[in-house]
C-alpha atoms as a PDB file:
ATOM      1  CA  UNK A   1      -3.348 -11.520  -4.298  1.00  0.00           C
ATOM      2  CA  UNK A   2      -0.282 -13.719  -4.415  1.00  0.00           C
ATOM      3  CA  UNK A   3      -1.364 -15.901  -7.291  1.00  0.00           C
ATOM      4  CA  UNK A   4      -1.897 -15.391 -10.971  1.00  0.00           C
ATOM      5  CA  UNK A   5       0.057 -14.852 -14.131  1.00  0.00           C
ATOM      6  CA  UNK A   6       0.072 -11.059 -14.004  1.00  0.00           C
ATOM      7  CA  UNK A   7       2.149 -10.535 -10.857  1.00  0.00           C
ATOM      8  CA  UNK A   8       5.179  -8.304 -11.241  1.00  0.00           C
ATOM      9  CA  UNK A   9       8.551  -9.297  -9.793  1.00  0.00           C
ATOM     10  CA  UNK A  10       8.014  -6.780  -7.006  1.00  0.00           C
ATOM     11  CA  UNK A  11       4.576  -8.188  -6.153  1.00  0.00           C
ATOM     12  CA  UNK A  12       6.089 -11.675  -5.994  1.00  0.00           C
ATOM     13  CA  UNK A  13       8.806 -10.325  -3.691  1.00  0.00           C
ATOM     14  CA  UNK A  14       6.133  -8.784  -1.446  1.00  0.00           C
ATOM     15  CA  UNK A  15       4.338 -12.118  -1.289  1.00  0.00           C
ATOM     16  CA  UNK A  16       7.521 -13.982  -0.324  1.00  0.00           C
ATOM     17  CA  UNK A  17       8.597 -11.552   2.406  1.00  0.00           C
ATOM     18  CA  UNK A  18       6.422 -11.874   5.528  1.00  0.00           C
ATOM     19  CA  UNK A  19       6.961  -8.298   6.740  1.00  0.00           C
ATOM     20  CA  UNK A  20       6.235  -6.778   3.325  1.00  0.00           C
ATOM     21  CA  UNK A  21       3.192  -8.996   2.943  1.00  0.00           C
ATOM     22  CA  UNK A  22       1.877  -7.941   6.368  1.00  0.00           C
ATOM     23  CA  UNK A  23       2.377  -4.267   5.519  1.00  0.00           C
ATOM     24  CA  UNK A  24       0.604  -4.784   2.206  1.00  0.00           C
ATOM     25  CA  UNK A  25      -2.413  -6.332   3.961  1.00  0.00           C
ATOM     26  CA  UNK A  26      -2.472  -3.566   6.581  1.00  0.00           C
ATOM     27  CA  UNK A  27      -2.397  -0.898   3.904  1.00  0.00           C
ATOM     28  CA  UNK A  28      -5.163  -2.591   1.915  1.00  0.00           C
ATOM     29  CA  UNK A  29      -7.346  -2.753   5.030  1.00  0.00           C
ATOM     30  CA  UNK A  30      -6.792   0.964   5.631  1.00  0.00           C
ATOM     31  CA  UNK A  31      -7.945   1.720   2.086  1.00  0.00           C
ATOM     32  CA  UNK A  32     -11.061  -0.390   2.702  1.00  0.00           C
ATOM     33  CA  UNK A  33     -11.744   1.306   6.050  1.00  0.00           C
ATOM     34  CA  UNK A  34     -11.204   4.775   4.635  1.00  0.00           C
ATOM     35  CA  UNK A  35     -13.501   4.069   1.701  1.00  0.00           C
ATOM     36  CA  UNK A  36     -16.424   3.009   3.919  1.00  0.00           C
ATOM     37  CA  UNK A  37     -17.486   6.570   4.717  1.00  0.00           C
ATOM     38  CA  UNK A  38     -16.728   8.231   1.401  1.00  0.00           C
ATOM     39  CA  UNK A  39     -19.063   9.338  -1.346  1.00  0.00           C
ATOM     40  CA  UNK A  40     -18.715   7.678  -4.755  1.00  0.00           C
ATOM     41  CA  UNK A  41     -16.668  10.582  -6.098  1.00  0.00           C
ATOM     42  CA  UNK A  42     -14.404  10.495  -3.044  1.00  0.00           C
ATOM     43  CA  UNK A  43     -13.974   6.718  -3.467  1.00  0.00           C
ATOM     44  CA  UNK A  44     -12.897   7.253  -7.071  1.00  0.00           C
ATOM     45  CA  UNK A  45     -10.384   9.842  -5.897  1.00  0.00           C
ATOM     46  CA  UNK A  46      -9.082   7.406  -3.264  1.00  0.00           C
ATOM     47  CA  UNK A  47      -8.774   4.656  -5.906  1.00  0.00           C
ATOM     48  CA  UNK A  48      -6.754   7.032  -8.068  1.00  0.00           C
ATOM     49  CA  UNK A  49      -4.523   7.902  -5.109  1.00  0.00           C
ATOM     50  CA  UNK A  50      -3.968   4.203  -4.475  1.00  0.00           C
ATOM     51  CA  UNK A  51      -3.086   3.562  -8.123  1.00  0.00           C
ATOM     52  CA  UNK A  52      -0.662   6.486  -8.071  1.00  0.00           C
ATOM     53  CA  UNK A  53       0.937   5.178  -4.886  1.00  0.00           C
ATOM     54  CA  UNK A  54       1.340   1.677  -6.367  1.00  0.00           C
ATOM     55  CA  UNK A  55       3.055   3.155  -9.427  1.00  0.00           C
ATOM     56  CA  UNK A  56       5.385   5.106  -7.129  1.00  0.00           C
ATOM     57  CA  UNK A  57       6.099   1.956  -5.121  1.00  0.00           C
ATOM     58  CA  UNK A  58       6.862  -0.011  -8.267  1.00  0.00           C
ATOM     59  CA  UNK A  59       9.146   2.710  -9.612  1.00  0.00           C
ATOM     60  CA  UNK A  60      11.046   3.466  -6.411  1.00  0.00           C
ATOM     61  CA  UNK A  61      11.342  -0.076  -5.062  1.00  0.00           C
ATOM     62  CA  UNK A  62      12.196  -2.177  -8.073  1.00  0.00           C
ATOM     63  CA  UNK A  63      13.567  -5.585  -7.204  1.00  0.00           C
ATOM     64  CA  UNK A  64      17.162  -5.102  -6.157  1.00  0.00           C
ATOM     65  CA  UNK A  65      19.295  -5.868  -3.129  1.00  0.00           C
ATOM     66  CA  UNK A  66      17.602  -3.377  -0.768  1.00  0.00           C
ATOM     67  CA  UNK A  67      14.045  -3.431  -2.102  1.00  0.00           C
ATOM     68  CA  UNK A  68      12.604  -4.745   1.187  1.00  0.00           C
ATOM     69  CA  UNK A  69      13.878  -1.696   3.064  1.00  0.00           C
ATOM     70  CA  UNK A  70      12.472   0.561   0.356  1.00  0.00           C
ATOM     71  CA  UNK A  71       9.096  -1.186   0.580  1.00  0.00           C
ATOM     72  CA  UNK A  72       9.001  -0.955   4.353  1.00  0.00           C
ATOM     73  CA  UNK A  73       9.743   2.769   4.263  1.00  0.00           C
ATOM     74  CA  UNK A  74       7.081   3.520   1.632  1.00  0.00           C
ATOM     75  CA  UNK A  75       4.447   1.293   3.236  1.00  0.00           C
ATOM     76  CA  UNK A  76       4.968   2.773   6.695  1.00  0.00           C
ATOM     77  CA  UNK A  77       4.713   6.304   5.330  1.00  0.00           C
ATOM     78  CA  UNK A  78       1.475   5.508   3.480  1.00  0.00           C
ATOM     79  CA  UNK A  79       0.018   3.566   6.419  1.00  0.00           C
ATOM     80  CA  UNK A  80       0.704   6.523   8.710  1.00  0.00           C
ATOM     81  CA  UNK A  81      -0.865   8.929   6.228  1.00  0.00           C
ATOM     82  CA  UNK A  82      -4.040   6.863   5.818  1.00  0.00           C
ATOM     83  CA  UNK A  83      -4.312   6.168   9.544  1.00  0.00           C
ATOM     84  CA  UNK A  84      -4.269   9.902  10.218  1.00  0.00           C
ATOM     85  CA  UNK A  85      -7.025  10.404   7.656  1.00  0.00           C
ATOM     86  CA  UNK A  86      -9.189   7.735   9.297  1.00  0.00           C
ATOM     87  CA  UNK A  87      -8.390   8.657  12.888  1.00  0.00           C
ATOM     88  CA  UNK A  88      -6.954  12.202  12.877  1.00  0.00           C
ATOM     89  CA  UNK A  89      -6.269  12.253  16.630  1.00  0.00           C
ATOM     90  CA  UNK A  90      -4.149   9.078  16.617  1.00  0.00           C
ATOM     91  CA  UNK A  91      -0.406   9.321  16.212  1.00  0.00           C
ATOM     92  CA  UNK A  92       1.357   6.285  14.754  1.00  0.00           C
END
């Protein structure tokens, strides 16, 4: 994910920051895990949710002095939300 000509400045920043990169990988794995038991229509809905979330991330956490804190906050919120959808009885 961290190579190619089409990376945005924010994606490059995520790649360079270990904590942001780890959160990005954790979130991606949750999307994969959640998608395993979904129907095709539900998977399409999940893909749309993910795209919407990425747009929100890019808008709210543009590269500026505190973007790492912004990323951490958004990633943790989304990770918690997806974790609850996968394992509803687990609190994170």
